[in-house]
């Protein structure tokens, strides 16, 4: 899947999970552990991530999986 978002913008979890194929529970577990970036609160029920943080995560996952043969989950 291509990632064509403005690097200065924000992306909601629904879109993040289309790019990084993990479940919501796995996503939140890895955010809590510090393995995935923390989001920004824009209200009581609105959390989004900086596009550049997600791009960095994609690069990190790609380099780790190639080097070590790891799965994201």
N, C-alpha and C. Protein backbone atom coordinates (compact mmCIF):
# COMPACT_ATOMS: atom_id res chain seq x y z
N UNK A 1 0.85 -1.18 0.00
CA UNK A 1 0.00 0.00 0.00
C UNK A 1 0.89 1.24 0.00
N UNK A 2 0.54 2.19 -0.84
CA UNK A 2 1.28 3.44 -0.91
C UNK A 2 0.89 4.37 0.22
N UNK A 3 1.85 5.15 0.68
CA UNK A 3 1.62 6.07 1.80
C UNK A 3 1.77 7.49 1.28
N UNK A 4 0.65 8.09 0.87
CA UNK A 4 0.68 9.43 0.27
C UNK A 4 -0.01 10.45 1.17
N UNK A 5 0.57 10.75 2.29
CA UNK A 5 0.01 11.74 3.21
C UNK A 5 1.00 12.88 3.37
N UNK A 6 0.47 14.05 3.66
CA UNK A 6 1.31 15.22 3.92
C UNK A 6 2.16 14.95 5.16
N UNK A 7 3.49 14.99 5.04
CA UNK A 7 4.36 14.67 6.19
C UNK A 7 4.19 15.61 7.37
N UNK A 8 3.60 16.77 7.16
CA UNK A 8 3.38 17.72 8.25
C UNK A 8 2.00 17.56 8.88
N UNK A 9 1.21 16.62 8.39
CA UNK A 9 -0.15 16.44 8.87
C UNK A 9 -0.28 15.37 9.93
N UNK A 10 -1.53 15.02 10.20
CA UNK A 10 -1.86 14.00 11.19
C UNK A 10 -2.72 12.93 10.54
N UNK A 11 -2.71 11.75 11.13
CA UNK A 11 -3.46 10.62 10.61
C UNK A 11 -4.15 9.90 11.78
N UNK A 12 -5.40 9.52 11.58
CA UNK A 12 -6.17 8.86 12.63
C UNK A 12 -5.86 7.36 12.64
N UNK A 13 -6.21 6.69 13.73
CA UNK A 13 -5.88 5.28 13.91
C UNK A 13 -6.45 4.40 12.81
N UNK A 14 -7.66 4.66 12.37
CA UNK A 14 -8.27 3.86 11.31
C UNK A 14 -7.38 3.81 10.07
N UNK A 15 -6.79 4.94 9.71
CA UNK A 15 -5.90 5.00 8.55
C UNK A 15 -4.55 4.36 8.86
N UNK A 16 -4.05 4.55 10.07
CA UNK A 16 -2.77 3.95 10.47
C UNK A 16 -2.85 2.43 10.33
N UNK A 17 -3.96 1.85 10.79
CA UNK A 17 -4.10 0.40 10.77
C UNK A 17 -4.28 -0.16 9.36
N UNK A 18 -4.63 0.69 8.39
CA UNK A 18 -4.66 0.25 6.99
C UNK A 18 -3.24 0.12 6.45
N UNK A 19 -2.32 0.90 7.01
CA UNK A 19 -0.93 0.92 6.56
C UNK A 19 -0.08 -0.08 7.33
N UNK A 20 -0.32 -0.16 8.63
CA UNK A 20 0.42 -1.08 9.50
C UNK A 20 -0.57 -2.14 9.97
N UNK A 21 -0.52 -3.31 9.38
CA UNK A 21 -1.57 -4.33 9.61
C UNK A 21 -1.46 -5.05 10.95
N UNK A 22 -1.86 -4.37 12.00
CA UNK A 22 -1.95 -4.98 13.33
C UNK A 22 -3.35 -4.68 13.87
N UNK A 23 -3.76 -5.41 14.88
CA UNK A 23 -5.06 -5.15 15.50
C UNK A 23 -4.97 -3.90 16.37
N UNK A 24 -6.15 -3.35 16.72
CA UNK A 24 -6.16 -2.19 17.61
C UNK A 24 -5.50 -2.51 18.95
N UNK A 25 -5.79 -3.69 19.48
CA UNK A 25 -5.21 -4.04 20.79
C UNK A 25 -3.69 -4.15 20.71
N UNK A 26 -3.18 -4.72 19.61
CA UNK A 26 -1.72 -4.79 19.43
C UNK A 26 -1.14 -3.39 19.29
N UNK A 27 -1.82 -2.54 18.51
CA UNK A 27 -1.35 -1.17 18.35
C UNK A 27 -1.21 -0.47 19.69
N UNK A 28 -2.29 -0.51 20.51
CA UNK A 28 -2.27 0.19 21.79
C UNK A 28 -1.26 -0.42 22.76
N UNK A 29 -1.09 -1.74 22.71
CA UNK A 29 -0.09 -2.39 23.57
C UNK A 29 1.31 -1.89 23.22
N UNK A 30 1.59 -1.78 21.91
CA UNK A 30 2.92 -1.34 21.48
C UNK A 30 3.12 0.16 21.71
N UNK A 31 2.05 0.95 21.67
CA UNK A 31 2.15 2.37 22.03
C UNK A 31 2.51 2.48 23.51
N UNK A 32 1.80 1.70 24.33
CA UNK A 32 2.04 1.73 25.78
C UNK A 32 3.47 1.31 26.12
N UNK A 33 4.00 0.33 25.38
CA UNK A 33 5.36 -0.15 25.66
C UNK A 33 6.44 0.77 25.10
N UNK A 34 6.03 1.73 24.25
CA UNK A 34 7.00 2.64 23.66
C UNK A 34 7.53 2.18 22.32
N UNK A 35 7.09 1.02 21.86
CA UNK A 35 7.55 0.48 20.58
C UNK A 35 6.94 1.25 19.40
N UNK A 36 5.72 1.73 19.56
CA UNK A 36 5.04 2.55 18.55
C UNK A 36 4.88 3.96 19.12
N UNK A 37 4.80 4.97 18.25
CA UNK A 37 4.70 6.35 18.75
C UNK A 37 3.37 6.64 19.44
N UNK A 38 3.42 7.57 20.39
CA UNK A 38 2.19 8.00 21.07
C UNK A 38 1.46 8.99 20.18
N UNK A 39 0.14 8.99 20.29
CA UNK A 39 -0.67 9.91 19.52
C UNK A 39 -0.87 11.22 20.25
N UNK A 40 -1.53 12.14 19.56
CA UNK A 40 -1.85 13.45 20.11
C UNK A 40 -3.36 13.55 20.29
N UNK A 41 -3.79 14.01 21.45
CA UNK A 41 -5.22 14.15 21.73
C UNK A 41 -5.72 15.48 21.18
N UNK A 42 -6.80 15.40 20.41
CA UNK A 42 -7.44 16.59 19.85
C UNK A 42 -8.86 16.73 20.38
N UNK A 43 -9.09 16.16 21.52
CA UNK A 43 -10.41 16.17 22.13
C UNK A 43 -10.57 14.88 22.92
N UNK A 44 -11.73 14.73 23.51
CA UNK A 44 -11.96 13.58 24.37
C UNK A 44 -11.83 12.25 23.64
N UNK A 45 -12.33 12.18 22.42
CA UNK A 45 -12.31 10.92 21.68
C UNK A 45 -11.59 11.04 20.34
N UNK A 46 -10.68 11.96 20.23
CA UNK A 46 -9.97 12.18 18.97
C UNK A 46 -8.47 12.11 19.21
N UNK A 47 -7.85 11.04 18.72
CA UNK A 47 -6.41 10.85 18.83
C UNK A 47 -5.88 10.69 17.41
N UNK A 48 -4.77 11.33 17.13
CA UNK A 48 -4.14 11.22 15.81
C UNK A 48 -2.63 11.18 15.98
N UNK A 49 -1.96 10.68 14.95
CA UNK A 49 -0.51 10.56 14.96
C UNK A 49 0.08 11.45 13.90
N UNK A 50 1.26 11.99 14.16
CA UNK A 50 1.94 12.78 13.15
C UNK A 50 2.33 11.84 12.01
N UNK A 51 2.10 12.27 10.79
CA UNK A 51 2.43 11.45 9.62
C UNK A 51 3.91 11.10 9.62
N UNK A 52 4.76 12.06 9.98
CA UNK A 52 6.20 11.76 9.96
C UNK A 52 6.58 10.72 11.02
N UNK A 53 5.85 10.63 12.13
CA UNK A 53 6.11 9.57 13.11
C UNK A 53 5.74 8.20 12.55
N UNK A 54 4.63 8.15 11.81
CA UNK A 54 4.21 6.88 11.20
C UNK A 54 5.17 6.49 10.08
N UNK A 55 5.64 7.45 9.29
CA UNK A 55 6.62 7.17 8.25
C UNK A 55 7.90 6.60 8.86
N UNK A 56 8.34 7.18 9.97
CA UNK A 56 9.54 6.68 10.66
C UNK A 56 9.32 5.27 11.17
N UNK A 57 8.13 5.01 11.69
CA UNK A 57 7.80 3.67 12.18
C UNK A 57 7.85 2.66 11.04
N UNK A 58 7.29 3.02 9.90
CA UNK A 58 7.29 2.13 8.73
C UNK A 58 8.73 1.81 8.33
N UNK A 59 9.58 2.81 8.29
CA UNK A 59 10.99 2.59 7.95
C UNK A 59 11.66 1.69 8.97
N UNK A 60 11.38 1.92 10.26
CA UNK A 60 11.97 1.10 11.33
C UNK A 60 11.51 -0.35 11.22
N UNK A 61 10.23 -0.55 11.01
CA UNK A 61 9.69 -1.90 10.88
C UNK A 61 10.30 -2.60 9.67
N UNK A 62 10.39 -1.87 8.56
CA UNK A 62 10.96 -2.44 7.35
C UNK A 62 12.41 -2.85 7.52
N UNK A 63 13.21 -2.01 8.15
CA UNK A 63 14.62 -2.33 8.33
C UNK A 63 14.80 -3.46 9.34
N UNK A 64 13.97 -3.48 10.40
CA UNK A 64 14.06 -4.55 11.39
C UNK A 64 13.65 -5.89 10.79
N UNK A 65 12.57 -5.90 10.02
CA UNK A 65 12.07 -7.17 9.48
C UNK A 65 13.03 -7.72 8.44
N UNK A 66 13.68 -6.85 7.67
CA UNK A 66 14.64 -7.32 6.67
C UNK A 66 15.90 -7.85 7.35
N UNK A 67 16.38 -7.13 8.36
CA UNK A 67 17.61 -7.51 9.04
C UNK A 67 17.45 -8.73 9.93
N UNK A 68 16.29 -8.85 10.59
CA UNK A 68 16.14 -9.90 11.59
C UNK A 68 15.07 -10.91 11.24
N UNK A 69 14.33 -10.70 10.15
CA UNK A 69 13.26 -11.62 9.80
C UNK A 69 12.10 -11.58 10.78
N UNK A 70 11.88 -10.43 11.42
CA UNK A 70 10.83 -10.29 12.44
C UNK A 70 9.47 -10.02 11.84
N UNK A 71 8.43 -10.40 12.59
CA UNK A 71 7.05 -10.05 12.29
C UNK A 71 6.70 -8.86 13.17
N UNK A 72 5.74 -8.01 12.73
CA UNK A 72 5.35 -6.83 13.49
C UNK A 72 4.56 -7.17 14.74
N UNK A 73 3.91 -8.30 14.80
CA UNK A 73 3.01 -8.62 15.90
C UNK A 73 3.69 -9.30 17.04
